[in-house]
Amino acid sequence: MTPQERKPLSRREFALLCLEQNGKCANCGAKLDLARPRMTVDEHLVPLFSGGPNELSNRAIWCVDCAKAKTAGEAPGRAKVRRFEQKKTQADKRKAAGGSRWPKGRKMQSRPFQGKKA
């Protein structure tokens, strides 16, 4: 499943979200500075890479600080989805190299337990 492309909000949609949220950040509740549009970010509540839609019901206006923190927290998940899409996982690399690094027929030897016995 490939994620959708991000669709920018129209001015009307942005205004609807601002009215719905009473001019406050959907995350922290701080008053948004609507005179400085670069201080507000429209965020997807369910990220696109996780299968979230581009619809208005999945969008909210956040302050820049909250949006940066959310984006940073989503980075590992986004990277993992990208690796799967590009077939660059460890399993894919092993498959391309001809399978496991263990020679066929050889079994891995287990080591005896070295810890304290209860």
Protein backbone atom coordinates (compact mmCIF):
# COMPACT_ATOMS: atom_id res chain seq x y z
CA MET A 1 0.00 0.00 0.00
CA THR A 2 1.59 3.26 -1.07
CA PRO A 3 0.71 6.36 0.90
CA GLN A 4 -1.32 9.13 -0.68
CA GLU A 5 0.23 12.41 -1.74
CA ARG A 6 -0.28 15.24 0.72
CA LYS A 7 -3.02 17.60 -0.47
CA PRO A 8 -2.73 21.21 0.73
CA LEU A 9 -5.70 22.79 2.48
CA SER A 10 -7.68 25.44 0.63
CA ARG A 11 -8.24 28.77 2.38
CA ARG A 12 -11.84 27.76 3.03
CA GLU A 13 -10.80 24.44 4.61
CA PHE A 14 -8.16 26.21 6.73
CA ALA A 15 -10.75 28.73 7.93
CA LEU A 16 -13.22 25.92 8.75
CA LEU A 17 -10.62 24.13 10.87
CA CYS A 18 -9.65 27.35 12.65
CA LEU A 19 -13.29 28.07 13.50
CA GLU A 20 -13.84 24.48 14.62
CA GLN A 21 -10.80 24.68 16.94
CA ASN A 22 -11.64 28.20 18.21
CA GLY A 23 -8.27 29.48 16.97
CA LYS A 24 -6.34 27.13 19.26
CA CYS A 25 -3.74 24.44 18.62
CA ALA A 26 -5.45 21.05 18.43
CA ASN A 27 -2.63 19.49 20.46
CA CYS A 28 -1.62 21.87 23.27
CA GLY A 29 -4.52 24.34 23.21
CA ALA A 30 -2.32 27.43 22.80
CA LYS A 31 -3.80 30.36 20.88
CA LEU A 32 -2.67 30.26 17.25
CA ASP A 33 -1.15 33.37 15.69
CA LEU A 34 -3.22 33.39 12.49
CA ALA A 35 -1.62 36.69 11.40
CA ARG A 36 1.62 34.72 10.91
CA PRO A 37 0.65 31.69 8.79
CA ARG A 38 4.12 30.15 9.07
CA MET A 39 3.47 29.65 12.78
CA THR A 40 0.61 27.23 12.07
CA VAL A 41 0.75 23.80 10.45
CA ASP A 42 -2.07 21.59 9.24
CA GLU A 43 -1.41 18.05 10.48
CA HIS A 44 -2.92 14.71 9.59
CA LEU A 45 -4.28 13.04 12.73
CA VAL A 46 -3.68 9.59 11.21
CA PRO A 47 -0.49 9.99 9.12
CA LEU A 48 -0.67 9.37 5.38
CA PHE A 49 2.06 6.73 5.62
CA SER A 50 -0.17 4.80 8.05
CA GLY A 51 -3.09 4.85 5.63
CA GLY A 52 -4.78 8.03 6.86
CA PRO A 53 -6.97 9.91 4.37
CA ASN A 54 -6.45 13.44 3.06
CA GLU A 55 -9.97 14.39 4.14
CA LEU A 56 -10.78 17.35 6.36
CA SER A 57 -11.96 15.03 9.15
CA ASN A 58 -8.37 13.73 9.42
CA ARG A 59 -6.78 17.19 9.59
CA ALA A 60 -6.13 19.66 12.41
CA ILE A 61 -4.25 22.93 12.82
CA TRP A 62 -1.27 22.72 15.18
CA CYS A 63 1.30 25.24 16.38
CA VAL A 64 4.78 24.88 14.89
CA ASP A 65 6.36 23.47 18.06
CA CYS A 66 3.77 20.69 18.42
CA ALA A 67 3.97 19.88 14.70
CA LYS A 68 7.77 19.55 14.83
CA ALA A 69 7.56 17.18 17.80
CA LYS A 70 4.88 15.07 16.08
CA THR A 71 6.86 14.88 12.85
CA ALA A 72 10.04 13.88 14.70
CA GLY A 73 8.15 11.15 16.55
CA GLU A 74 6.77 9.76 13.28
CA ALA A 75 10.16 9.67 11.51
CA PRO A 76 11.07 6.04 12.43
CA GLY A 77 7.70 4.75 11.24
CA ARG A 78 7.93 6.72 7.99
CA ALA A 79 11.44 5.37 7.38
CA LYS A 80 10.29 1.80 7.98
CA VAL A 81 7.42 2.16 5.49
CA ARG A 82 9.85 3.62 2.96
CA ARG A 83 12.26 0.69 3.41
CA PHE A 84 9.46 -1.81 2.82
CA GLU A 85 8.27 0.07 -0.28
CA GLN A 86 11.78 0.17 -1.73
CA LYS A 87 12.44 -3.45 -0.71
CA LYS A 88 15.49 -2.49 1.36
CA THR A 89 14.77 -4.50 4.51
CA GLN A 90 17.30 -6.93 5.99
CA ALA A 91 15.24 -9.86 4.72
CA ASP A 92 15.31 -8.42 1.19
CA LYS A 93 19.08 -7.93 1.38
CA ARG A 94 19.59 -11.54 2.53
CA LYS A 95 17.31 -12.82 -0.23
CA ALA A 96 19.24 -10.82 -2.86
CA ALA A 97 22.52 -12.23 -1.51
CA GLY A 98 21.27 -15.78 -1.93
CA GLY A 99 19.69 -16.50 1.42
CA SER A 100 21.05 -16.96 4.91
CA ARG A 101 24.74 -16.57 5.72
CA TRP A 102 24.79 -19.96 7.46
CA PRO A 103 25.98 -22.78 5.19
CA LYS A 104 23.25 -25.27 4.35
CA GLY A 105 23.06 -28.25 6.64
CA ARG A 106 25.00 -26.56 9.43
CA LYS A 107 23.09 -25.91 12.62
CA MET A 108 23.70 -23.07 14.98
CA GLN A 109 25.19 -24.27 18.25
CA SER A 110 23.67 -22.98 21.44
CA ARG A 111 25.87 -21.93 24.30
CA PRO A 112 25.30 -23.18 27.85
CA PHE A 113 23.62 -20.71 30.19
CA GLN A 114 26.27 -18.54 31.89
CA GLY A 115 24.03 -16.59 34.29
CA LYS A 116 23.12 -17.19 37.92
CA LYS A 117 20.83 -20.09 38.68
CA ALA A 118 17.85 -19.31 40.86
